[in-house]
PDB file of all heavy atoms in Angstrom:
ATOM      1  N   LEU A   1       5.071 -10.295   3.925  1.00  0.00           N
ATOM      2  CA  LEU A   1       5.136  -9.341   2.807  1.00  0.00           C
ATOM      3  C   LEU A   1       4.100  -8.242   2.945  1.00  0.00           C
ATOM      4  O   LEU A   1       4.391  -7.060   2.736  1.00  0.00           O
ATOM      5  CB  LEU A   1       4.963 -10.062   1.451  1.00  0.00           C
ATOM      6  CG  LEU A   1       4.951  -9.182   0.190  1.00  0.00           C
ATOM      7  CD1 LEU A   1       6.265  -8.408   0.067  1.00  0.00           C
ATOM      8  CD2 LEU A   1       4.702 -10.024  -1.063  1.00  0.00           C
ATOM      9  N   GLN A   2       2.874  -8.624   3.334  1.00  0.00           N
ATOM     10  CA  GLN A   2       1.814  -7.615   3.498  1.00  0.00           C
ATOM     11  C   GLN A   2       2.179  -6.633   4.618  1.00  0.00           C
ATOM     12  O   GLN A   2       1.903  -5.428   4.525  1.00  0.00           O
ATOM     13  CB  GLN A   2       0.493  -8.302   3.800  1.00  0.00           C
ATOM     14  CG  GLN A   2      -0.140  -8.990   2.599  1.00  0.00           C
ATOM     15  CD  GLN A   2      -1.338  -9.836   2.984  1.00  0.00           C
ATOM     16  OE1 GLN A   2      -1.269 -10.684   3.836  1.00  0.00           O
ATOM     17  NE2 GLN A   2      -2.474  -9.549   2.341  1.00  0.00           N
ATOM     18  N   ASN A   3       2.767  -7.121   5.684  1.00  0.00           N
ATOM     19  CA  ASN A   3       3.195  -6.270   6.785  1.00  0.00           C
ATOM     20  C   ASN A   3       4.249  -5.284   6.328  1.00  0.00           C
ATOM     21  O   ASN A   3       4.193  -4.094   6.670  1.00  0.00           O
ATOM     22  CB  ASN A   3       3.718  -7.101   7.960  1.00  0.00           C
ATOM     23  CG  ASN A   3       2.612  -7.515   8.912  1.00  0.00           C
ATOM     24  OD1 ASN A   3       2.196  -6.764   9.771  1.00  0.00           O
ATOM     25  ND2 ASN A   3       2.137  -8.748   8.749  1.00  0.00           N
ATOM     26  N   VAL A   4       5.199  -5.750   5.541  1.00  0.00           N
ATOM     27  CA  VAL A   4       6.261  -4.855   5.052  1.00  0.00           C
ATOM     28  C   VAL A   4       5.650  -3.792   4.142  1.00  0.00           C
ATOM     29  O   VAL A   4       6.028  -2.610   4.232  1.00  0.00           O
ATOM     30  CB  VAL A   4       7.334  -5.668   4.294  1.00  0.00           C
ATOM     31  CG1 VAL A   4       8.369  -4.720   3.649  1.00  0.00           C
ATOM     32  CG2 VAL A   4       8.032  -6.635   5.249  1.00  0.00           C
ATOM     33  N   LEU A   5       4.706  -4.177   3.302  1.00  0.00           N
ATOM     34  CA  LEU A   5       4.079  -3.239   2.369  1.00  0.00           C
ATOM     35  C   LEU A   5       3.307  -2.127   3.093  1.00  0.00           C
ATOM     36  O   LEU A   5       3.071  -1.078   2.505  1.00  0.00           O
ATOM     37  CB  LEU A   5       3.143  -3.982   1.402  1.00  0.00           C
ATOM     38  CG  LEU A   5       3.871  -4.744   0.275  1.00  0.00           C
ATOM     39  CD1 LEU A   5       2.926  -5.701  -0.414  1.00  0.00           C
ATOM     40  CD2 LEU A   5       4.467  -3.758  -0.730  1.00  0.00           C
ATOM     41  N   HIS A   6       2.948  -2.340   4.345  1.00  0.00           N
ATOM     42  CA  HIS A   6       2.292  -1.273   5.119  1.00  0.00           C
ATOM     43  C   HIS A   6       3.168  -0.020   5.229  1.00  0.00           C
ATOM     44  O   HIS A   6       2.683   1.052   5.494  1.00  0.00           O
ATOM     45  CB  HIS A   6       1.930  -1.790   6.505  1.00  0.00           C
ATOM     46  CG  HIS A   6       0.735  -2.679   6.514  1.00  0.00           C
ATOM     47  ND1 HIS A   6       0.264  -3.341   7.651  1.00  0.00           N
ATOM     48  CD2 HIS A   6      -0.129  -3.021   5.519  1.00  0.00           C
ATOM     49  CE1 HIS A   6      -0.801  -4.034   7.350  1.00  0.00           C
ATOM     50  NE2 HIS A   6      -1.061  -3.888   6.094  1.00  0.00           N
ATOM     51  N   GLY A   7       4.467  -0.188   4.986  1.00  0.00           N
ATOM     52  CA  GLY A   7       5.337   0.955   4.980  1.00  0.00           C
ATOM     53  C   GLY A   7       5.066   1.938   3.870  1.00  0.00           C
ATOM     54  O   GLY A   7       5.522   3.093   3.913  1.00  0.00           O
ATOM     55  N   ARG A   8       4.271   1.533   2.876  1.00  0.00           N
ATOM     56  CA  ARG A   8       3.920   2.429   1.757  1.00  0.00           C
ATOM     57  C   ARG A   8       2.555   3.087   1.936  1.00  0.00           C
ATOM     58  O   ARG A   8       2.132   3.893   1.071  1.00  0.00           O
ATOM     59  CB  ARG A   8       3.935   1.638   0.439  1.00  0.00           C
ATOM     60  CG  ARG A   8       5.267   1.032   0.083  1.00  0.00           C
ATOM     61  CD  ARG A   8       6.402   2.041   0.102  1.00  0.00           C
ATOM     62  NE  ARG A   8       6.255   3.056  -0.943  1.00  0.00           N
ATOM     63  CZ  ARG A   8       7.056   4.126  -1.072  1.00  0.00           C
ATOM     64  NH1 ARG A   8       8.052   4.293  -0.188  1.00  0.00           N
ATOM     65  NH2 ARG A   8       6.870   4.990  -2.027  1.00  0.00           N
ATOM     66  N   LEU A   9       1.812   2.777   2.982  1.00  0.00           N
ATOM     67  CA  LEU A   9       0.464   3.280   3.133  1.00  0.00           C
ATOM     68  C   LEU A   9       0.402   4.814   3.153  1.00  0.00           C
ATOM     69  O   LEU A   9      -0.518   5.423   2.642  1.00  0.00           O
ATOM     70  CB  LEU A   9      -0.158   2.721   4.407  1.00  0.00           C
ATOM     71  CG  LEU A   9      -0.512   1.216   4.378  1.00  0.00           C
ATOM     72  CD1 LEU A   9      -1.041   0.778   5.742  1.00  0.00           C
ATOM     73  CD2 LEU A   9      -1.525   0.911   3.278  1.00  0.00           C
ATOM     74  N   GLY A  10       1.421   5.430   3.705  1.00  0.00           N
ATOM     75  CA  GLY A  10       1.449   6.895   3.775  1.00  0.00           C
ATOM     76  C   GLY A  10       1.573   7.568   2.421  1.00  0.00           C
ATOM     77  O   GLY A  10       1.340   8.784   2.285  1.00  0.00           O
ATOM     78  N   TYR A  11       1.940   6.792   1.406  1.00  0.00           N
ATOM     79  CA  TYR A  11       2.130   7.331   0.057  1.00  0.00           C
ATOM     80  C   TYR A  11       0.892   7.068  -0.833  1.00  0.00           C
ATOM     81  O   TYR A  11       0.872   7.499  -1.974  1.00  0.00           O
ATOM     82  CB  TYR A  11       3.342   6.701  -0.609  1.00  0.00           C
ATOM     83  CG  TYR A  11       4.663   7.101   0.039  1.00  0.00           C
ATOM     84  CD1 TYR A  11       5.171   6.389   1.103  1.00  0.00           C
ATOM     85  CD2 TYR A  11       5.395   8.182  -0.441  1.00  0.00           C
ATOM     86  CE1 TYR A  11       6.380   6.739   1.706  1.00  0.00           C
ATOM     87  CE2 TYR A  11       6.603   8.540   0.139  1.00  0.00           C
ATOM     88  CZ  TYR A  11       7.072   7.809   1.207  1.00  0.00           C
ATOM     89  OH  TYR A  11       8.253   8.145   1.793  1.00  0.00           O
ATOM     90  N   MET A  12      -0.092   6.351  -0.305  1.00  0.00           N
ATOM     91  CA  MET A  12      -1.202   5.902  -1.129  1.00  0.00           C
ATOM     92  C   MET A  12      -2.484   6.701  -0.858  1.00  0.00           C
ATOM     93  O   MET A  12      -2.667   7.252   0.217  1.00  0.00           O
ATOM     94  CB  MET A  12      -1.457   4.396  -0.864  1.00  0.00           C
ATOM     95  CG  MET A  12      -0.273   3.517  -1.256  1.00  0.00           C
ATOM     96  SD  MET A  12      -0.394   1.846  -0.584  1.00  0.00           S
ATOM     97  CE  MET A  12      -1.876   1.250  -1.423  1.00  0.00           C
ATOM     98  N   SER A  13      -3.374   6.724  -1.839  1.00  0.00           N
ATOM     99  CA  SER A  13      -4.670   7.323  -1.672  1.00  0.00           C
ATOM    100  C   SER A  13      -5.525   6.482  -0.745  1.00  0.00           C
ATOM    101  O   SER A  13      -5.194   5.303  -0.506  1.00  0.00           O
ATOM    102  CB  SER A  13      -5.380   7.465  -3.029  1.00  0.00           C
ATOM    103  OG  SER A  13      -5.700   6.167  -3.538  1.00  0.00           O
ATOM    104  N   GLY A  14      -6.596   7.080  -0.246  1.00  0.00           N
ATOM    105  CA  GLY A  14      -7.439   6.365   0.696  1.00  0.00           C
ATOM    106  C   GLY A  14      -7.992   5.060   0.164  1.00  0.00           C
ATOM    107  O   GLY A  14      -7.933   4.005   0.839  1.00  0.00           O
ATOM    108  N   ILE A  15      -8.492   5.065  -1.072  1.00  0.00           N
ATOM    109  CA  ILE A  15      -9.087   3.877  -1.675  1.00  0.00           C
ATOM    110  C   ILE A  15      -8.028   2.784  -1.842  1.00  0.00           C
ATOM    111  O   ILE A  15      -8.250   1.604  -1.516  1.00  0.00           O
ATOM    112  CB  ILE A  15      -9.716   4.216  -3.042  1.00  0.00           C
ATOM    113  CG1 ILE A  15     -10.903   5.174  -2.844  1.00  0.00           C
ATOM    114  CG2 ILE A  15     -10.155   2.940  -3.741  1.00  0.00           C
ATOM    115  CD1 ILE A  15     -12.059   4.583  -2.045  1.00  0.00           C
ATOM    116  N   LYS A  16      -6.864   3.125  -2.375  1.00  0.00           N
ATOM    117  CA  LYS A  16      -5.807   2.150  -2.617  1.00  0.00           C
ATOM    118  C   LYS A  16      -5.317   1.549  -1.296  1.00  0.00           C
ATOM    119  O   LYS A  16      -5.068   0.336  -1.229  1.00  0.00           O
ATOM    120  CB  LYS A  16      -4.651   2.773  -3.373  1.00  0.00           C
ATOM    121  CG  LYS A  16      -4.924   2.991  -4.856  1.00  0.00           C
ATOM    122  CD  LYS A  16      -3.667   3.399  -5.586  1.00  0.00           C
ATOM    123  CE  LYS A  16      -3.904   3.466  -7.098  1.00  0.00           C
ATOM    124  NZ  LYS A  16      -2.672   3.818  -7.844  1.00  0.00           N
ATOM    125  N   SER A  17      -5.225   2.374  -0.272  1.00  0.00           N
ATOM    126  CA  SER A  17      -4.730   1.869   1.006  1.00  0.00           C
ATOM    127  C   SER A  17      -5.752   0.938   1.644  1.00  0.00           C
ATOM    128  O   SER A  17      -5.376  -0.068   2.244  1.00  0.00           O
ATOM    129  CB  SER A  17      -4.391   3.023   1.949  1.00  0.00           C
ATOM    130  OG  SER A  17      -5.535   3.803   2.243  1.00  0.00           O
ATOM    131  N   ILE A  18      -7.031   1.256   1.514  1.00  0.00           N
ATOM    132  CA  ILE A  18      -8.104   0.415   2.102  1.00  0.00           C
ATOM    133  C   ILE A  18      -8.076  -0.972   1.497  1.00  0.00           C
ATOM    134  O   ILE A  18      -8.217  -1.972   2.189  1.00  0.00           O
ATOM    135  CB  ILE A  18      -9.478   1.078   1.906  1.00  0.00           C
ATOM    136  CG1 ILE A  18      -9.609   2.325   2.800  1.00  0.00           C
ATOM    137  CG2 ILE A  18     -10.597   0.074   2.233  1.00  0.00           C
ATOM    138  CD1 ILE A  18     -10.835   3.140   2.520  1.00  0.00           C
ATOM    139  N   PHE A  19      -7.889  -1.041   0.180  1.00  0.00           N
ATOM    140  CA  PHE A  19      -7.933  -2.334  -0.509  1.00  0.00           C
ATOM    141  C   PHE A  19      -6.545  -2.945  -0.737  1.00  0.00           C
ATOM    142  O   PHE A  19      -6.449  -4.002  -1.361  1.00  0.00           O
ATOM    143  CB  PHE A  19      -8.680  -2.173  -1.862  1.00  0.00           C
ATOM    144  CG  PHE A  19     -10.142  -1.856  -1.712  1.00  0.00           C
ATOM    145  CD1 PHE A  19     -10.621  -0.582  -1.862  1.00  0.00           C
ATOM    146  CD2 PHE A  19     -11.028  -2.885  -1.378  1.00  0.00           C
ATOM    147  CE1 PHE A  19     -11.968  -0.301  -1.698  1.00  0.00           C
ATOM    148  CE2 PHE A  19     -12.398  -2.605  -1.230  1.00  0.00           C
ATOM    149  CZ  PHE A  19     -12.847  -1.325  -1.396  1.00  0.00           C
ATOM    150  N   GLY A  20      -5.519  -2.302  -0.215  1.00  0.00           N
ATOM    151  CA  GLY A  20      -4.195  -2.870  -0.353  1.00  0.00           C
ATOM    152  C   GLY A  20      -3.711  -2.957  -1.793  1.00  0.00           C
ATOM    153  O   GLY A  20      -3.089  -3.955  -2.180  1.00  0.00           O
ATOM    154  N   LEU A  21      -4.029  -1.937  -2.581  1.00  0.00           N
ATOM    155  CA  LEU A  21      -3.632  -1.937  -3.995  1.00  0.00           C
ATOM    156  C   LEU A  21      -2.236  -1.347  -4.173  1.00  0.00           C
ATOM    157  O   LEU A  21      -2.076  -0.200  -4.578  1.00  0.00           O
ATOM    158  CB  LEU A  21      -4.675  -1.169  -4.812  1.00  0.00           C
ATOM    159  CG  LEU A  21      -6.129  -1.676  -4.706  1.00  0.00           C
ATOM    160  CD1 LEU A  21      -7.078  -0.762  -5.456  1.00  0.00           C
ATOM    161  CD2 LEU A  21      -6.232  -3.107  -5.230  1.00  0.00           C
ATOM    162  N   TYR A  22      -1.232  -2.140  -3.860  1.00  0.00           N
ATOM    163  CA  TYR A  22       0.137  -1.679  -3.906  1.00  0.00           C
ATOM    164  C   TYR A  22       0.693  -1.716  -5.326  1.00  0.00           C
ATOM    165  O   TYR A  22       0.336  -2.589  -6.133  1.00  0.00           O
ATOM    166  CB  TYR A  22       1.025  -2.517  -2.999  1.00  0.00           C
ATOM    167  CG  TYR A  22       0.614  -2.479  -1.555  1.00  0.00           C
ATOM    168  CD1 TYR A  22      -0.112  -3.532  -1.011  1.00  0.00           C
ATOM    169  CD2 TYR A  22       0.945  -1.408  -0.734  1.00  0.00           C
ATOM    170  CE1 TYR A  22      -0.502  -3.498   0.330  1.00  0.00           C
ATOM    171  CE2 TYR A  22       0.558  -1.373   0.592  1.00  0.00           C
ATOM    172  CZ  TYR A  22      -0.175  -2.426   1.124  1.00  0.00           C
ATOM    173  OH  TYR A  22      -0.548  -2.377   2.428  1.00  0.00           O
ATOM    174  N   GLU A  23       1.582  -0.782  -5.630  1.00  0.00           N
ATOM    175  CA  GLU A  23       2.256  -0.790  -6.904  1.00  0.00           C
ATOM    176  C   GLU A  23       3.213  -1.971  -7.026  1.00  0.00           C
ATOM    177  O   GLU A  23       3.791  -2.421  -6.018  1.00  0.00           O
ATOM    178  CB  GLU A  23       3.037   0.535  -7.092  1.00  0.00           C
ATOM    179  CG  GLU A  23       2.215   1.787  -7.048  1.00  0.00           C
ATOM    180  CD  GLU A  23       1.274   1.922  -8.244  1.00  0.00           C
ATOM    181  OE1 GLU A  23       1.557   1.322  -9.281  1.00  0.00           O
ATOM    182  OE2 GLU A  23       0.272   2.653  -8.106  1.00  0.00           O
ATOM    183  N   GLU A  24       3.370  -2.468  -8.244  1.00  0.00           N
ATOM    184  CA  GLU A  24       4.292  -3.611  -8.440  1.00  0.00           C
ATOM    185  C   GLU A  24       5.704  -3.228  -8.024  1.00  0.00           C
ATOM    186  O   GLU A  24       6.445  -4.110  -7.466  1.00  0.00           O
ATOM    187  CB  GLU A  24       4.279  -4.015  -9.926  1.00  0.00           C
ATOM    188  CG  GLU A  24       4.800  -5.428 -10.164  1.00  0.00           C
ATOM    189  CD  GLU A  24       3.990  -6.498  -9.474  1.00  0.00           C
ATOM    190  OE1 GLU A  24       2.735  -6.332  -9.350  1.00  0.00           O
ATOM    191  OE2 GLU A  24       4.586  -7.468  -9.005  1.00  0.00           O
ATOM    192  N   GLU A  25       6.100  -2.002  -8.211  1.00  0.00           N
ATOM    193  CA  GLU A  25       7.419  -1.540  -7.827  1.00  0.00           C
ATOM    194  C   GLU A  25       7.598  -1.645  -6.313  1.00  0.00           C
ATOM    195  O   GLU A  25       8.670  -2.022  -5.827  1.00  0.00           O
ATOM    196  CB  GLU A  25       7.625  -0.098  -8.284  1.00  0.00           C
ATOM    197  CG  GLU A  25       9.005   0.475  -7.912  1.00  0.00           C
ATOM    198  CD  GLU A  25       9.139   1.923  -8.332  1.00  0.00           C
ATOM    199  OE1 GLU A  25       8.203   2.480  -8.923  1.00  0.00           O
ATOM    200  OE2 GLU A  25      10.208   2.505  -8.034  1.00  0.00           O
ATOM    201  N   ASP A  26       6.544  -1.323  -5.555  1.00  0.00           N
ATOM    202  CA  ASP A  26       6.617  -1.435  -4.110  1.00  0.00           C
ATOM    203  C   ASP A  26       6.779  -2.879  -3.662  1.00  0.00           C
ATOM    204  O   ASP A  26       7.526  -3.173  -2.722  1.00  0.00           O
ATOM    205  CB  ASP A  26       5.361  -0.826  -3.462  1.00  0.00           C
ATOM    206  CG  ASP A  26       5.298   0.679  -3.623  1.00  0.00           C
ATOM    207  OD1 ASP A  26       6.360   1.310  -3.806  1.00  0.00           O
ATOM    208  OD2 ASP A  26       4.185   1.248  -3.572  1.00  0.00           O
TER     209      ASP A  26
END
């Protein structure tokens, strides 16, 4: 699941991407 969520990293801010703070929708 974490690997799949990496597909959203390009849509996230630097801080959120560093800490893996994905949206529930994602």
